[in-house]
Amino acid sequence: MRKGQGPLRIRTELRERGISQILIDEALAPYEDQWPERLSEVHDAKYGAIRAESNKELAKRARFLESRGFPSELIRRLLLD
């Protein structure tokens, strides 16, 4: 999480390391309400607080955030609200 990774990527990496889904869910549960804030921090660190001016720029930012493992719903809310 401190490296700017989202919950989807963290879950995938932990599963690849052989950690059970139950343990992953228990470990990530306390952070569920922090993902929107973390997403915003990762976005602002790369792009600043300036909103995207074109659809092309929105798509670029969305792809970056998806590659970091953030859910598309959170990304949509951040970029379009």
PDB file of N, CA and C in Angstrom:
ATOM      1  N   MET A   1       0.838  -1.189   0.000  1.00  0.00           N
ATOM      2  CA  MET A   1       0.000   0.000   0.000  1.00  0.00           C
ATOM      3  C   MET A   1       0.883   1.253   0.000  1.00  0.00           C
ATOM      4  N   ARG A   2       1.959   1.222   0.756  1.00  0.00           N
ATOM      5  CA  ARG A   2       2.860   2.378   0.803  1.00  0.00           C
ATOM      6  C   ARG A   2       3.578   2.601  -0.517  1.00  0.00           C
ATOM      7  N   LYS A   3       3.671   1.569  -1.335  1.00  0.00           N
ATOM      8  CA  LYS A   3       4.324   1.694  -2.641  1.00  0.00           C
ATOM      9  C   LYS A   3       3.383   2.234  -3.704  1.00  0.00           C
ATOM     10  N   GLY A   4       2.158   2.548  -3.322  1.00  0.00           N
ATOM     11  CA  GLY A   4       1.194   3.083  -4.278  1.00  0.00           C
ATOM     12  C   GLY A   4       0.435   2.013  -5.033  1.00  0.00           C
ATOM     13  N   GLN A   5       0.385   0.822  -4.492  1.00  0.00           N
ATOM     14  CA  GLN A   5      -0.343  -0.273  -5.127  1.00  0.00           C
ATOM     15  C   GLN A   5      -1.767  -0.321  -4.584  1.00  0.00           C
ATOM     16  N   GLY A   6      -2.690  -0.680  -5.458  1.00  0.00           N
ATOM     17  CA  GLY A   6      -4.085  -0.787  -5.073  1.00  0.00           C
ATOM     18  C   GLY A   6      -4.443  -2.178  -4.599  1.00  0.00           C
ATOM     19  N   PRO A   7      -5.660  -2.350  -4.140  1.00  0.00           N
ATOM     20  CA  PRO A   7      -6.075  -3.623  -3.551  1.00  0.00           C
ATOM     21  C   PRO A   7      -6.073  -4.786  -4.539  1.00  0.00           C
ATOM     22  N   LEU A   8      -6.400  -4.529  -5.795  1.00  0.00           N
ATOM     23  CA  LEU A   8      -6.429  -5.620  -6.766  1.00  0.00           C
ATOM     24  C   LEU A   8      -5.034  -6.175  -7.016  1.00  0.00           C
ATOM     25  N   ARG A   9      -4.086  -5.297  -7.148  1.00  0.00           N
ATOM     26  CA  ARG A   9      -2.711  -5.747  -7.391  1.00  0.00           C
ATOM     27  C   ARG A   9      -2.124  -6.428  -6.161  1.00  0.00           C
ATOM     28  N   ILE A  10      -2.409  -5.892  -4.993  1.00  0.00           N
ATOM     29  CA  ILE A  10      -1.906  -6.503  -3.762  1.00  0.00           C
ATOM     30  C   ILE A  10      -2.468  -7.907  -3.615  1.00  0.00           C
ATOM     31  N   ARG A  11      -3.771  -8.053  -3.848  1.00  0.00           N
ATOM     32  CA  ARG A  11      -4.402  -9.377  -3.756  1.00  0.00           C
ATOM     33  C   ARG A  11      -3.761 -10.362  -4.737  1.00  0.00           C
ATOM     34  N   THR A  12      -3.545  -9.919  -5.961  1.00  0.00           N
ATOM     35  CA  THR A  12      -2.962 -10.791  -6.983  1.00  0.00           C
ATOM     36  C   THR A  12      -1.554 -11.227  -6.587  1.00  0.00           C
ATOM     37  N   GLU A  13      -0.739 -10.291  -6.140  1.00  0.00           N
ATOM     38  CA  GLU A  13       0.630 -10.629  -5.759  1.00  0.00           C
ATOM     39  C   GLU A  13       0.675 -11.567  -4.563  1.00  0.00           C
ATOM     40  N   LEU A  14      -0.214 -11.360  -3.605  1.00  0.00           N
ATOM     41  CA  LEU A  14      -0.246 -12.256  -2.456  1.00  0.00           C
ATOM     42  C   LEU A  14      -0.708 -13.659  -2.857  1.00  0.00           C
ATOM     43  N   ARG A  15      -1.707 -13.728  -3.745  1.00  0.00           N
ATOM     44  CA  ARG A  15      -2.164 -15.039  -4.233  1.00  0.00           C
ATOM     45  C   ARG A  15      -1.046 -15.766  -4.970  1.00  0.00           C
ATOM     46  N   GLU A  16      -0.277 -15.023  -5.775  1.00  0.00           N
ATOM     47  CA  GLU A  16       0.835 -15.627  -6.514  1.00  0.00           C
ATOM     48  C   GLU A  16       1.907 -16.165  -5.571  1.00  0.00           C
ATOM     49  N   ARG A  17       1.993 -15.610  -4.389  1.00  0.00           N
ATOM     50  CA  ARG A  17       2.967 -16.070  -3.399  1.00  0.00           C
ATOM     51  C   ARG A  17       2.411 -17.203  -2.535  1.00  0.00           C
ATOM     52  N   GLY A  18       1.204 -17.653  -2.840  1.00  0.00           N
ATOM     53  CA  GLY A  18       0.636 -18.807  -2.162  1.00  0.00           C
ATOM     54  C   GLY A  18      -0.125 -18.512  -0.882  1.00  0.00           C
ATOM     55  N   ILE A  19      -0.461 -17.274  -0.654  1.00  0.00           N
ATOM     56  CA  ILE A  19      -1.210 -16.920   0.551  1.00  0.00           C
ATOM     57  C   ILE A  19      -2.698 -17.157   0.295  1.00  0.00           C
ATOM     58  N   SER A  20      -3.368 -17.726   1.264  1.00  0.00           N
ATOM     59  CA  SER A  20      -4.776 -18.075   1.081  1.00  0.00           C
ATOM     60  C   SER A  20      -5.655 -16.828   0.985  1.00  0.00           C
ATOM     61  N   GLN A  21      -6.759 -16.984   0.289  1.00  0.00           N
ATOM     62  CA  GLN A  21      -7.700 -15.881   0.096  1.00  0.00           C
ATOM     63  C   GLN A  21      -8.251 -15.377   1.428  1.00  0.00           C
ATOM     64  N   ILE A  22      -8.466 -16.265   2.355  1.00  0.00           N
ATOM     65  CA  ILE A  22      -8.995 -15.878   3.667  1.00  0.00           C
ATOM     66  C   ILE A  22      -8.024 -14.952   4.393  1.00  0.00           C
ATOM     67  N   LEU A  23      -6.748 -15.305   4.377  1.00  0.00           N
ATOM     68  CA  LEU A  23      -5.744 -14.456   5.026  1.00  0.00           C
ATOM     69  C   LEU A  23      -5.606 -13.109   4.332  1.00  0.00           C
ATOM     70  N   ILE A  24      -5.694 -13.117   3.021  1.00  0.00           N
ATOM     71  CA  ILE A  24      -5.614 -11.866   2.257  1.00  0.00           C
ATOM     72  C   ILE A  24      -6.782 -10.961   2.628  1.00  0.00           C
ATOM     73  N   ASP A  25      -7.990 -11.534   2.646  1.00  0.00           N
ATOM     74  CA  ASP A  25      -9.181 -10.746   2.999  1.00  0.00           C
ATOM     75  C   ASP A  25      -9.061 -10.163   4.400  1.00  0.00           C
ATOM     76  N   GLU A  26      -8.585 -10.970   5.347  1.00  0.00           N
ATOM     77  CA  GLU A  26      -8.430 -10.491   6.719  1.00  0.00           C
ATOM     78  C   GLU A  26      -7.384  -9.382   6.810  1.00  0.00           C
ATOM     79  N   ALA A  27      -6.307  -9.502   6.048  1.00  0.00           N
ATOM     80  CA  ALA A  27      -5.238  -8.507   6.104  1.00  0.00           C
ATOM     81  C   ALA A  27      -5.647  -7.182   5.474  1.00  0.00           C
ATOM     82  N   LEU A  28      -6.447  -7.232   4.417  1.00  0.00           N
ATOM     83  CA  LEU A  28      -6.821  -6.013   3.701  1.00  0.00           C
ATOM     84  C   LEU A  28      -8.107  -5.363   4.219  1.00  0.00           C
ATOM     85  N   ALA A  29      -8.900  -6.086   4.977  1.00  0.00           N
ATOM     86  CA  ALA A  29     -10.180  -5.563   5.465  1.00  0.00           C
ATOM     87  C   ALA A  29     -10.056  -4.233   6.218  1.00  0.00           C
ATOM     88  N   PRO A  30      -9.074  -4.063   7.079  1.00  0.00           N
ATOM     89  CA  PRO A  30      -8.989  -2.781   7.812  1.00  0.00           C
ATOM     90  C   PRO A  30      -8.709  -1.569   6.911  1.00  0.00           C
ATOM     91  N   TYR A  31      -8.271  -1.802   5.691  1.00  0.00           N
ATOM     92  CA  TYR A  31      -7.896  -0.697   4.809  1.00  0.00           C
ATOM     93  C   TYR A  31      -8.964  -0.336   3.777  1.00  0.00           C
ATOM     94  N   GLU A  32     -10.096  -1.027   3.783  1.00  0.00           N
ATOM     95  CA  GLU A  32     -11.126  -0.829   2.764  1.00  0.00           C
ATOM     96  C   GLU A  32     -11.551   0.622   2.600  1.00  0.00           C
ATOM     97  N   ASP A  33     -11.680   1.349   3.688  1.00  0.00           N
ATOM     98  CA  ASP A  33     -12.138   2.738   3.595  1.00  0.00           C
ATOM     99  C   ASP A  33     -11.020   3.708   3.206  1.00  0.00           C
ATOM    100  N   GLN A  34      -9.783   3.225   3.151  1.00  0.00           N
ATOM    101  CA  GLN A  34      -8.649   4.079   2.814  1.00  0.00           C
ATOM    102  C   GLN A  34      -8.283   4.078   1.327  1.00  0.00           C
ATOM    103  N   TRP A  35      -8.842   3.167   0.549  1.00  0.00           N
ATOM    104  CA  TRP A  35      -8.451   3.062  -0.863  1.00  0.00           C
ATOM    105  C   TRP A  35      -8.763   4.315  -1.678  1.00  0.00           C
ATOM    106  N   PRO A  36      -9.917   4.955  -1.509  1.00  0.00           N
ATOM    107  CA  PRO A  36     -10.152   6.183  -2.291  1.00  0.00           C
ATOM    108  C   PRO A  36      -9.118   7.276  -2.008  1.00  0.00           C
ATOM    109  N   GLU A  37      -8.759   7.433  -0.757  1.00  0.00           N
ATOM    110  CA  GLU A  37      -7.756   8.437  -0.399  1.00  0.00           C
ATOM    111  C   GLU A  37      -6.389   8.071  -0.979  1.00  0.00           C
ATOM    112  N   ARG A  38      -6.053   6.800  -0.898  1.00  0.00           N
ATOM    113  CA  ARG A  38      -4.766   6.339  -1.437  1.00  0.00           C
ATOM    114  C   ARG A  38      -4.729   6.511  -2.951  1.00  0.00           C
ATOM    115  N   LEU A  39      -5.827   6.218  -3.604  1.00  0.00           N
ATOM    116  CA  LEU A  39      -5.922   6.408  -5.050  1.00  0.00           C
ATOM    117  C   LEU A  39      -5.670   7.864  -5.413  1.00  0.00           C
ATOM    118  N   SER A  40      -6.277   8.760  -4.691  1.00  0.00           N
ATOM    119  CA  SER A  40      -6.098  10.179  -4.935  1.00  0.00           C
ATOM    120  C   SER A  40      -4.642  10.597  -4.735  1.00  0.00           C
ATOM    121  N   GLU A  41      -3.989  10.059  -3.729  1.00  0.00           N
ATOM    122  CA  GLU A  41      -2.584  10.375  -3.472  1.00  0.00           C
ATOM    123  C   GLU A  41      -1.690   9.890  -4.608  1.00  0.00           C
ATOM    124  N   VAL A  42      -1.938   8.680  -5.085  1.00  0.00           N
ATOM    125  CA  VAL A  42      -1.142   8.131  -6.183  1.00  0.00           C
ATOM    126  C   VAL A  42      -1.352   8.967  -7.444  1.00  0.00           C
ATOM    127  N   HIS A  43      -2.605   9.318  -7.722  1.00  0.00           N
ATOM    128  CA  HIS A  43      -2.916  10.139  -8.894  1.00  0.00           C
ATOM    129  C   HIS A  43      -2.214  11.489  -8.800  1.00  0.00           C
ATOM    130  N   ASP A  44      -2.354  12.155  -7.670  1.00  0.00           N
ATOM    131  CA  ASP A  44      -1.790  13.494  -7.517  1.00  0.00           C
ATOM    132  C   ASP A  44      -0.263  13.483  -7.531  1.00  0.00           C
ATOM    133  N   ALA A  45       0.350  12.411  -7.054  1.00  0.00           N
ATOM    134  CA  ALA A  45       1.809  12.318  -7.086  1.00  0.00           C
ATOM    135  C   ALA A  45       2.327  12.273  -8.522  1.00  0.00           C
ATOM    136  N   LYS A  46       1.568  11.631  -9.401  1.00  0.00           N
ATOM    137  CA  LYS A  46       1.988  11.512 -10.806  1.00  0.00           C
ATOM    138  C   LYS A  46       1.518  12.700 -11.645  1.00  0.00           C
ATOM    139  N   TYR A  47       0.276  13.133 -11.460  1.00  0.00           N
ATOM    140  CA  TYR A  47      -0.319  14.131 -12.351  1.00  0.00           C
ATOM    141  C   TYR A  47      -0.622  15.469 -11.695  1.00  0.00           C
ATOM    142  N   GLY A  48      -0.483  15.567 -10.402  1.00  0.00           N
ATOM    143  CA  GLY A  48      -0.856  16.795  -9.711  1.00  0.00           C
ATOM    144  C   GLY A  48      -2.366  16.832  -9.514  1.00  0.00           C
ATOM    145  N   ALA A  49      -2.842  17.893  -8.921  1.00  0.00           N
ATOM    146  CA  ALA A  49      -4.265  18.017  -8.620  1.00  0.00           C
ATOM    147  C   ALA A  49      -5.054  18.571  -9.807  1.00  0.00           C
ATOM    148  N   ILE A  50      -4.412  18.760 -10.937  1.00  0.00           N
ATOM    149  CA  ILE A  50      -5.060  19.317 -12.120  1.00  0.00           C
ATOM    150  C   ILE A  50      -5.906  18.245 -12.807  1.00  0.00           C
ATOM    151  N   ARG A  51      -7.134  18.594 -13.151  1.00  0.00           N
ATOM    152  CA  ARG A  51      -8.033  17.659 -13.839  1.00  0.00           C
ATOM    153  C   ARG A  51      -7.590  17.464 -15.278  1.00  0.00           C
ATOM    154  N   ALA A  52      -7.863  16.305 -15.819  1.00  0.00           N
ATOM    155  CA  ALA A  52      -7.554  16.010 -17.221  1.00  0.00           C
ATOM    156  C   ALA A  52      -8.423  16.873 -18.126  1.00  0.00           C
ATOM    157  N   GLU A  53      -7.841  17.358 -19.199  1.00  0.00           N
ATOM    158  CA  GLU A  53      -8.565  18.254 -20.092  1.00  0.00           C
ATOM    159  C   GLU A  53      -9.152  17.566 -21.313  1.00  0.00           C
ATOM    160  N   SER A  54      -8.762  16.329 -21.563  1.00  0.00           N
ATOM    161  CA  SER A  54      -9.280  15.635 -22.742  1.00  0.00           C
ATOM    162  C   SER A  54      -9.601  14.186 -22.389  1.00  0.00           C
ATOM    163  N   ASN A  55     -10.384  13.569 -23.254  1.00  0.00           N
ATOM    164  CA  ASN A  55     -10.704  12.157 -23.057  1.00  0.00           C
ATOM    165  C   ASN A  55      -9.454  11.292 -23.167  1.00  0.00           C
ATOM    166  N   LYS A  56      -8.545  11.690 -24.043  1.00  0.00           N
ATOM    167  CA  LYS A  56      -7.298  10.949 -24.204  1.00  0.00           C
ATOM    168  C   LYS A  56      -6.496  10.965 -22.898  1.00  0.00           C
ATOM    169  N   GLU A  57      -6.427  12.124 -22.269  1.00  0.00           N
ATOM    170  CA  GLU A  57      -5.708  12.238 -20.997  1.00  0.00           C
ATOM    171  C   GLU A  57      -6.420  11.459 -19.896  1.00  0.00           C
ATOM    172  N   LEU A  58      -7.750  11.486 -19.879  1.00  0.00           N
ATOM    173  CA  LEU A  58      -8.504  10.693 -18.895  1.00  0.00           C
ATOM    174  C   LEU A  58      -8.191   9.205 -19.054  1.00  0.00           C
ATOM    175  N   ALA A  59      -8.176   8.732 -20.287  1.00  0.00           N
ATOM    176  CA  ALA A  59      -7.896   7.321 -20.555  1.00  0.00           C
ATOM    177  C   ALA A  59      -6.476   6.953 -20.113  1.00  0.00           C
ATOM    178  N   LYS A  60      -5.543   7.834 -20.375  1.00  0.00           N
ATOM    179  CA  LYS A  60      -4.156   7.598 -19.977  1.00  0.00           C
ATOM    180  C   LYS A  60      -4.043   7.467 -18.456  1.00  0.00           C
ATOM    181  N   ARG A  61      -4.680   8.367 -17.752  1.00  0.00           N
ATOM    182  CA  ARG A  61      -4.644   8.334 -16.287  1.00  0.00           C
ATOM    183  C   ARG A  61      -5.338   7.085 -15.750  1.00  0.00           C
ATOM    184  N   ALA A  62      -6.473   6.741 -16.358  1.00  0.00           N
ATOM    185  CA  ALA A  62      -7.207   5.546 -15.918  1.00  0.00           C
ATOM    186  C   ALA A  62      -6.354   4.290 -16.115  1.00  0.00           C
ATOM    187  N   ARG A  63      -5.671   4.187 -17.253  1.00  0.00           N
ATOM    188  CA  ARG A  63      -4.806   3.023 -17.504  1.00  0.00           C
ATOM    189  C   ARG A  63      -3.685   2.943 -16.470  1.00  0.00           C
ATOM    190  N   PHE A  64      -3.092   4.082 -16.150  1.00  0.00           N
ATOM    191  CA  PHE A  64      -2.029   4.102 -15.150  1.00  0.00           C
ATOM    192  C   PHE A  64      -2.544   3.599 -13.801  1.00  0.00           C
ATOM    193  N   LEU A  65      -3.679   4.128 -13.371  1.00  0.00           N
ATOM    194  CA  LEU A  65      -4.224   3.747 -12.071  1.00  0.00           C
ATOM    195  C   LEU A  65      -4.679   2.291 -12.049  1.00  0.00           C
ATOM    196  N   GLU A  66      -5.209   1.805 -13.172  1.00  0.00           N
ATOM    197  CA  GLU A  66      -5.578   0.389 -13.258  1.00  0.00           C
ATOM    198  C   GLU A  66      -4.341  -0.493 -13.172  1.00  0.00           C
ATOM    199  N   SER A  67      -3.242  -0.055 -13.790  1.00  0.00           N
ATOM    200  CA  SER A  67      -2.015  -0.852 -13.729  1.00  0.00           C
ATOM    201  C   SER A  67      -1.465  -0.911 -12.310  1.00  0.00           C
ATOM    202  N   ARG A  68      -1.809   0.053 -11.495  1.00  0.00           N
ATOM    203  CA  ARG A  68      -1.406   0.058 -10.095  1.00  0.00           C
ATOM    204  C   ARG A  68      -2.321  -0.809  -9.240  1.00  0.00           C
ATOM    205  N   GLY A  69      -3.420  -1.284  -9.816  1.00  0.00           N
ATOM    206  CA  GLY A  69      -4.283  -2.215  -9.097  1.00  0.00           C
ATOM    207  C   GLY A  69      -5.457  -1.604  -8.379  1.00  0.00           C
ATOM    208  N   PHE A  70      -5.898  -0.443  -8.837  1.00  0.00           N
ATOM    209  CA  PHE A  70      -7.079   0.166  -8.225  1.00  0.00           C
ATOM    210  C   PHE A  70      -8.320  -0.228  -9.012  1.00  0.00           C
ATOM    211  N   PRO A  71      -9.445  -0.428  -8.329  1.00  0.00           N
ATOM    212  CA  PRO A  71     -10.692  -0.815  -9.001  1.00  0.00           C
ATOM    213  C   PRO A  71     -11.201   0.291  -9.928  1.00  0.00           C
ATOM    214  N   SER A  72     -11.771  -0.111 -11.046  1.00  0.00           N
ATOM    215  CA  SER A  72     -12.235   0.846 -12.046  1.00  0.00           C
ATOM    216  C   SER A  72     -13.316   1.780 -11.503  1.00  0.00           C
ATOM    217  N   GLU A  73     -14.143   1.313 -10.590  1.00  0.00           N
ATOM    218  CA  GLU A  73     -15.190   2.165 -10.014  1.00  0.00           C
ATOM    219  C   GLU A  73     -14.579   3.333  -9.231  1.00  0.00           C
ATOM    220  N   LEU A  74     -13.555   3.057  -8.452  1.00  0.00           N
ATOM    221  CA  LEU A  74     -12.893   4.130  -7.707  1.00  0.00           C
ATOM    222  C   LEU A  74     -12.196   5.105  -8.661  1.00  0.00           C
ATOM    223  N   ILE A  75     -11.593   4.569  -9.695  1.00  0.00           N
ATOM    224  CA  ILE A  75     -10.913   5.408 -10.685  1.00  0.00           C
ATOM    225  C   ILE A  75     -11.920   6.316 -11.371  1.00  0.00           C
ATOM    226  N   ARG A  76     -13.046   5.742 -11.771  1.00  0.00           N
ATOM    227  CA  ARG A  76     -14.090   6.520 -12.437  1.00  0.00           C
ATOM    228  C   ARG A  76     -14.563   7.668 -11.553  1.00  0.00           C
ATOM    229  N   ARG A  77     -14.800   7.367 -10.281  1.00  0.00           N
ATOM    230  CA  ARG A  77     -15.254   8.414  -9.358  1.00  0.00           C
ATOM    231  C   ARG A  77     -14.215   9.519  -9.211  1.00  0.00           C
ATOM    232  N   LEU A  78     -12.949   9.141  -9.118  1.00  0.00           N
ATOM    233  CA  LEU A  78     -11.894  10.139  -8.954  1.00  0.00           C
ATOM    234  C   LEU A  78     -11.764  11.024 -10.189  1.00  0.00           C
ATOM    235  N   LEU A  79     -11.766  10.416 -11.364  1.00  0.00           N
ATOM    236  CA  LEU A  79     -11.499  11.170 -12.584  1.00  0.00           C
ATOM    237  C   LEU A  79     -12.710  11.939 -13.111  1.00  0.00           C
ATOM    238  N   LEU A  80     -13.908  11.460 -12.838  1.00  0.00           N
ATOM    239  CA  LEU A  80     -15.090  12.093 -13.425  1.00  0.00           C
ATOM    240  C   LEU A  80     -15.877  12.982 -12.466  1.00  0.00           C
ATOM    241  N   ASP A  81     -15.623  12.870 -11.187  1.00  0.00           N
ATOM    242  CA  ASP A  81     -16.354  13.713 -10.214  1.00  0.00           C
ATOM    243  C   ASP A  81     -15.626  15.011  -9.954  1.00  0.00           C
TER     244      ASP A  81
END
